[in-house]
Amino acid sequence: MRSKRLGLGARRLALLVAVAALGCGAGADTVISGFGNNDNVIGANVLERVAHELAGQSAIPAVSDDDLRAAFDAIREHARSGDPDAALVLLRVAAIQRGAAKK
């Protein structure tokens, strides 16, 4: 039986997704300006930018299949609990899987 505890990699991934999701408002870009904040933009593609930045860092451990399964399990549980963002992710995963199966 698998433990319900998330591994360190899965916790880091979940934290990354949570932090990035906080920056994704209604899809419009928000420019944060001020001393030292030039060119910082938080918007719809913030998740992609954060993922690419982290993936390019040598200190970031590789995300394993177990990490992905744990993250997906957490998303699925949030969706079942009524979280609309998690439900959207779950529905997109299902649509992509079914689309790939039809090909």
N, C-alpha and C. Protein backbone atom coordinates (compact mmCIF):
# COMPACT_ATOMS: atom_id res chain seq x y z
N MET A 1 0.84 -1.18 0.00
CA MET A 1 0.00 0.00 0.00
C MET A 1 0.88 1.24 0.00
N ARG A 2 0.58 2.18 -0.87
CA ARG A 2 1.40 3.38 -0.96
C ARG A 2 1.06 4.34 0.15
N SER A 3 2.08 5.03 0.61
CA SER A 3 1.89 6.03 1.66
C SER A 3 1.16 7.24 1.09
N LYS A 4 0.35 7.88 1.91
CA LYS A 4 -0.38 9.08 1.49
C LYS A 4 0.51 10.32 1.54
N ARG A 5 1.68 10.22 2.17
CA ARG A 5 2.58 11.37 2.27
C ARG A 5 3.21 11.65 0.92
N LEU A 6 3.28 12.92 0.59
CA LEU A 6 3.93 13.31 -0.65
C LEU A 6 5.43 13.33 -0.44
N GLY A 7 6.17 12.90 -1.46
CA GLY A 7 7.60 12.98 -1.41
C GLY A 7 8.06 14.41 -1.52
N LEU A 8 9.34 14.66 -1.26
CA LEU A 8 9.88 16.02 -1.31
C LEU A 8 9.67 16.64 -2.68
N GLY A 9 9.90 15.89 -3.74
CA GLY A 9 9.70 16.42 -5.09
C GLY A 9 8.26 16.80 -5.35
N ALA A 10 7.33 15.96 -4.91
CA ALA A 10 5.91 16.25 -5.11
C ALA A 10 5.49 17.46 -4.31
N ARG A 11 6.02 17.60 -3.10
CA ARG A 11 5.70 18.79 -2.29
C ARG A 11 6.22 20.04 -2.96
N ARG A 12 7.44 19.97 -3.52
CA ARG A 12 7.98 21.13 -4.23
C ARG A 12 7.14 21.47 -5.45
N LEU A 13 6.72 20.44 -6.18
CA LEU A 13 5.90 20.66 -7.37
C LEU A 13 4.55 21.25 -6.97
N ALA A 14 3.95 20.72 -5.90
CA ALA A 14 2.66 21.25 -5.44
C ALA A 14 2.80 22.70 -4.99
N LEU A 15 3.90 23.02 -4.31
CA LEU A 15 4.14 24.40 -3.87
C LEU A 15 4.32 25.31 -5.08
N LEU A 16 5.07 24.86 -6.07
CA LEU A 16 5.27 25.64 -7.28
C LEU A 16 3.95 25.93 -7.97
N VAL A 17 3.12 24.91 -8.11
CA VAL A 17 1.83 25.10 -8.77
C VAL A 17 0.96 26.06 -7.97
N ALA A 18 0.96 25.91 -6.65
CA ALA A 18 0.14 26.80 -5.81
C ALA A 18 0.60 28.24 -5.91
N VAL A 19 1.92 28.47 -5.85
CA VAL A 19 2.44 29.83 -5.94
C VAL A 19 2.15 30.42 -7.31
N ALA A 20 2.37 29.64 -8.34
CA ALA A 20 2.12 30.15 -9.69
C ALA A 20 0.64 30.42 -9.92
N ALA A 21 -0.21 29.55 -9.38
CA ALA A 21 -1.65 29.73 -9.57
C ALA A 21 -2.15 31.01 -8.90
N LEU A 22 -1.52 31.40 -7.80
CA LEU A 22 -1.91 32.64 -7.15
C LEU A 22 -1.69 33.84 -8.06
N GLY A 23 -0.72 33.75 -8.94
CA GLY A 23 -0.44 34.85 -9.86
C GLY A 23 -1.31 34.85 -11.10
N CYS A 24 -2.11 33.84 -11.29
CA CYS A 24 -2.96 33.73 -12.48
C CYS A 24 -4.35 34.23 -12.17
N GLY A 25 -4.56 35.50 -12.28
CA GLY A 25 -5.87 36.07 -12.01
C GLY A 25 -6.85 35.70 -13.09
N ALA A 26 -7.49 36.67 -13.65
CA ALA A 26 -8.53 36.43 -14.65
C ALA A 26 -7.96 36.28 -16.06
N GLY A 27 -6.66 36.10 -16.17
CA GLY A 27 -6.07 35.89 -17.48
C GLY A 27 -5.44 37.14 -18.07
N ALA A 28 -5.71 38.28 -17.51
CA ALA A 28 -5.11 39.51 -18.01
C ALA A 28 -3.75 39.69 -17.35
N ASP A 29 -2.83 40.29 -18.09
CA ASP A 29 -1.51 40.54 -17.52
C ASP A 29 -1.56 41.71 -16.56
N THR A 30 -0.85 41.57 -15.47
CA THR A 30 -0.70 42.64 -14.50
C THR A 30 0.77 43.00 -14.47
N VAL A 31 1.08 44.24 -14.68
CA VAL A 31 2.47 44.67 -14.67
C VAL A 31 2.77 45.22 -13.29
N ILE A 32 3.82 44.71 -12.67
CA ILE A 32 4.24 45.18 -11.37
C ILE A 32 5.44 46.08 -11.61
N SER A 33 5.29 47.34 -11.32
CA SER A 33 6.39 48.25 -11.57
C SER A 33 6.87 48.85 -10.27
N GLY A 34 8.05 49.34 -10.29
CA GLY A 34 8.65 49.93 -9.10
C GLY A 34 10.13 49.64 -9.13
N PHE A 35 10.83 50.17 -8.18
CA PHE A 35 12.27 50.00 -8.12
C PHE A 35 12.62 48.52 -8.03
N GLY A 36 13.41 48.05 -8.95
CA GLY A 36 13.85 46.66 -8.96
C GLY A 36 12.84 45.67 -9.53
N ASN A 37 11.70 46.15 -9.97
CA ASN A 37 10.67 45.24 -10.49
C ASN A 37 10.41 45.45 -11.97
N ASN A 38 11.28 46.10 -12.67
CA ASN A 38 11.05 46.35 -14.09
C ASN A 38 10.95 45.03 -14.84
N ASP A 39 10.03 44.97 -15.78
CA ASP A 39 9.82 43.83 -16.67
C ASP A 39 9.21 42.61 -15.98
N ASN A 40 8.73 42.74 -14.75
CA ASN A 40 8.05 41.62 -14.11
C ASN A 40 6.58 41.66 -14.49
N VAL A 41 6.10 40.57 -15.08
CA VAL A 41 4.71 40.49 -15.51
C VAL A 41 4.12 39.19 -14.97
N ILE A 42 2.96 39.31 -14.32
CA ILE A 42 2.25 38.14 -13.85
C ILE A 42 0.98 38.05 -14.67
N GLY A 43 0.77 36.93 -15.33
CA GLY A 43 -0.41 36.81 -16.17
C GLY A 43 -0.71 35.38 -16.53
N ALA A 44 -1.40 35.21 -17.63
CA ALA A 44 -1.91 33.90 -18.03
C ALA A 44 -0.80 32.89 -18.28
N ASN A 45 0.36 33.33 -18.75
CA ASN A 45 1.42 32.36 -19.06
C ASN A 45 2.46 32.27 -17.95
N VAL A 46 2.12 32.71 -16.74
CA VAL A 46 3.08 32.68 -15.64
C VAL A 46 3.50 31.25 -15.31
N LEU A 47 2.61 30.28 -15.40
CA LEU A 47 2.97 28.90 -15.11
C LEU A 47 4.04 28.39 -16.06
N GLU A 48 3.90 28.74 -17.32
CA GLU A 48 4.89 28.31 -18.32
C GLU A 48 6.26 28.93 -18.04
N ARG A 49 6.26 30.21 -17.70
CA ARG A 49 7.53 30.90 -17.41
C ARG A 49 8.19 30.33 -16.16
N VAL A 50 7.40 30.08 -15.12
CA VAL A 50 7.96 29.52 -13.88
C VAL A 50 8.51 28.12 -14.14
N ALA A 51 7.76 27.30 -14.87
CA ALA A 51 8.21 25.93 -15.16
C ALA A 51 9.52 25.94 -15.94
N HIS A 52 9.63 26.80 -16.94
CA HIS A 52 10.87 26.86 -17.73
C HIS A 52 12.03 27.35 -16.89
N GLU A 53 11.78 28.32 -16.04
CA GLU A 53 12.84 28.82 -15.17
C GLU A 53 13.33 27.74 -14.23
N LEU A 54 12.42 27.02 -13.60
CA LEU A 54 12.81 25.95 -12.69
C LEU A 54 13.49 24.79 -13.41
N ALA A 55 12.98 24.42 -14.57
CA ALA A 55 13.55 23.30 -15.31
C ALA A 55 14.99 23.60 -15.73
N GLY A 56 15.31 24.86 -15.91
CA GLY A 56 16.65 25.24 -16.33
C GLY A 56 17.66 25.34 -15.20
N GLN A 57 17.22 25.16 -13.97
CA GLN A 57 18.13 25.26 -12.82
C GLN A 57 18.71 23.90 -12.47
N SER A 58 20.01 23.82 -12.35
CA SER A 58 20.66 22.54 -12.05
C SER A 58 20.35 22.05 -10.64
N ALA A 59 19.99 22.95 -9.74
CA ALA A 59 19.71 22.57 -8.35
C ALA A 59 18.33 21.92 -8.19
N ILE A 60 17.48 22.03 -9.20
CA ILE A 60 16.13 21.47 -9.12
C ILE A 60 16.20 19.98 -9.48
N PRO A 61 15.73 19.09 -8.58
CA PRO A 61 15.78 17.66 -8.90
C PRO A 61 14.80 17.31 -10.01
N ALA A 62 15.11 16.25 -10.72
CA ALA A 62 14.21 15.77 -11.78
C ALA A 62 12.89 15.34 -11.17
N VAL A 63 11.82 15.61 -11.88
CA VAL A 63 10.48 15.21 -11.44
C VAL A 63 10.27 13.76 -11.88
N SER A 64 10.03 12.90 -10.91
CA SER A 64 9.87 11.47 -11.22
C SER A 64 8.42 11.15 -11.57
N ASP A 65 8.21 9.95 -12.07
CA ASP A 65 6.85 9.48 -12.33
C ASP A 65 6.03 9.45 -11.04
N ASP A 66 6.67 9.06 -9.93
CA ASP A 66 5.97 9.05 -8.64
C ASP A 66 5.55 10.46 -8.23
N ASP A 67 6.41 11.45 -8.49
CA ASP A 67 6.07 12.84 -8.19
C ASP A 67 4.84 13.27 -8.99
N LEU A 68 4.83 12.92 -10.28
CA LEU A 68 3.70 13.28 -11.12
C LEU A 68 2.41 12.60 -10.68
N ARG A 69 2.52 11.32 -10.31
CA ARG A 69 1.34 10.60 -9.82
C ARG A 69 0.81 11.24 -8.54
N ALA A 70 1.70 11.59 -7.63
CA ALA A 70 1.28 12.21 -6.36
C ALA A 70 0.63 13.57 -6.61
N ALA A 71 1.20 14.35 -7.52
CA ALA A 71 0.61 15.65 -7.84
C ALA A 71 -0.75 15.47 -8.49
N PHE A 72 -0.87 14.50 -9.40
CA PHE A 72 -2.15 14.25 -10.05
C PHE A 72 -3.19 13.77 -9.03
N ASP A 73 -2.77 12.89 -8.11
CA ASP A 73 -3.69 12.41 -7.07
C ASP A 73 -4.22 13.58 -6.24
N ALA A 74 -3.34 14.52 -5.91
CA ALA A 74 -3.76 15.69 -5.13
C ALA A 74 -4.73 16.56 -5.93
N ILE A 75 -4.44 16.75 -7.22
CA ILE A 75 -5.34 17.53 -8.08
C ILE A 75 -6.71 16.86 -8.16
N ARG A 76 -6.71 15.53 -8.35
CA ARG A 76 -7.96 14.79 -8.46
C ARG A 76 -8.78 14.90 -7.18
N GLU A 77 -8.13 14.82 -6.02
CA GLU A 77 -8.84 14.94 -4.75
C GLU A 77 -9.42 16.35 -4.58
N HIS A 78 -8.67 17.36 -4.98
CA HIS A 78 -9.18 18.73 -4.91
C HIS A 78 -10.39 18.89 -5.83
N ALA A 79 -10.33 18.29 -7.01
CA ALA A 79 -11.45 18.37 -7.95
C ALA A 79 -12.69 17.70 -7.35
N ARG A 80 -12.50 16.55 -6.74
CA ARG A 80 -13.63 15.84 -6.12
C ARG A 80 -14.21 16.63 -4.95
N SER A 81 -13.39 17.48 -4.33
CA SER A 81 -13.85 18.30 -3.21
C SER A 81 -14.52 19.58 -3.67
N GLY A 82 -14.58 19.80 -4.99
CA GLY A 82 -15.29 20.96 -5.51
C GLY A 82 -14.42 22.12 -5.96
N ASP A 83 -13.11 21.94 -6.00
CA ASP A 83 -12.21 23.01 -6.46
C ASP A 83 -12.36 23.15 -7.97
N PRO A 84 -12.88 24.28 -8.46
CA PRO A 84 -13.12 24.41 -9.90
C PRO A 84 -11.84 24.42 -10.74
N ASP A 85 -10.75 24.98 -10.22
CA ASP A 85 -9.49 24.98 -10.97
C ASP A 85 -8.95 23.56 -11.12
N ALA A 86 -9.01 22.80 -10.05
CA ALA A 86 -8.55 21.41 -10.11
C ALA A 86 -9.45 20.60 -11.04
N ALA A 87 -10.75 20.87 -11.00
CA ALA A 87 -11.68 20.17 -11.90
C ALA A 87 -11.35 20.49 -13.36
N LEU A 88 -11.00 21.73 -13.65
CA LEU A 88 -10.63 22.10 -15.01
C LEU A 88 -9.39 21.34 -15.46
N VAL A 89 -8.39 21.23 -14.59
CA VAL A 89 -7.18 20.48 -14.93
C VAL A 89 -7.54 19.02 -15.19
N LEU A 90 -8.36 18.45 -14.32
CA LEU A 90 -8.76 17.05 -14.48
C LEU A 90 -9.50 16.84 -15.80
N LEU A 91 -10.41 17.74 -16.14
CA LEU A 91 -11.14 17.63 -17.40
C LEU A 91 -10.21 17.78 -18.60
N ARG A 92 -9.23 18.68 -18.53
CA ARG A 92 -8.28 18.85 -19.64
C ARG A 92 -7.43 17.59 -19.81
N VAL A 93 -6.99 17.00 -18.69
CA VAL A 93 -6.21 15.76 -18.77
C VAL A 93 -7.05 14.68 -19.44
N ALA A 94 -8.31 14.56 -19.03
CA ALA A 94 -9.19 13.55 -19.63
C ALA A 94 -9.39 13.79 -21.12
N ALA A 95 -9.59 15.04 -21.51
CA ALA A 95 -9.78 15.37 -22.94
C ALA A 95 -8.53 15.03 -23.75
N ILE A 96 -7.36 15.34 -23.20
CA ILE A 96 -6.11 15.06 -23.91
C ILE A 96 -5.91 13.55 -24.03
N GLN A 97 -6.18 12.82 -22.95
CA GLN A 97 -6.03 11.36 -22.98
C GLN A 97 -6.97 10.73 -24.00
N ARG A 98 -8.21 11.19 -24.01
CA ARG A 98 -9.17 10.63 -24.95
C ARG A 98 -8.85 11.01 -26.39
N GLY A 99 -8.35 12.22 -26.58
CA GLY A 99 -7.94 12.65 -27.91
C GLY A 99 -6.78 11.82 -28.43
N ALA A 100 -5.83 11.52 -27.55
CA ALA A 100 -4.68 10.69 -27.94
C ALA A 100 -5.11 9.26 -28.24
N ALA A 101 -6.10 8.77 -27.50
CA ALA A 101 -6.59 7.40 -27.71
C ALA A 101 -7.31 7.25 -29.04
N LYS A 102 -7.93 8.32 -29.52
CA LYS A 102 -8.65 8.28 -30.80
C LYS A 102 -7.72 8.25 -32.00
N LYS A 103 -6.50 8.73 -31.82
CA LYS A 103 -5.56 8.81 -32.94
C LYS A 103 -4.95 7.51 -33.29
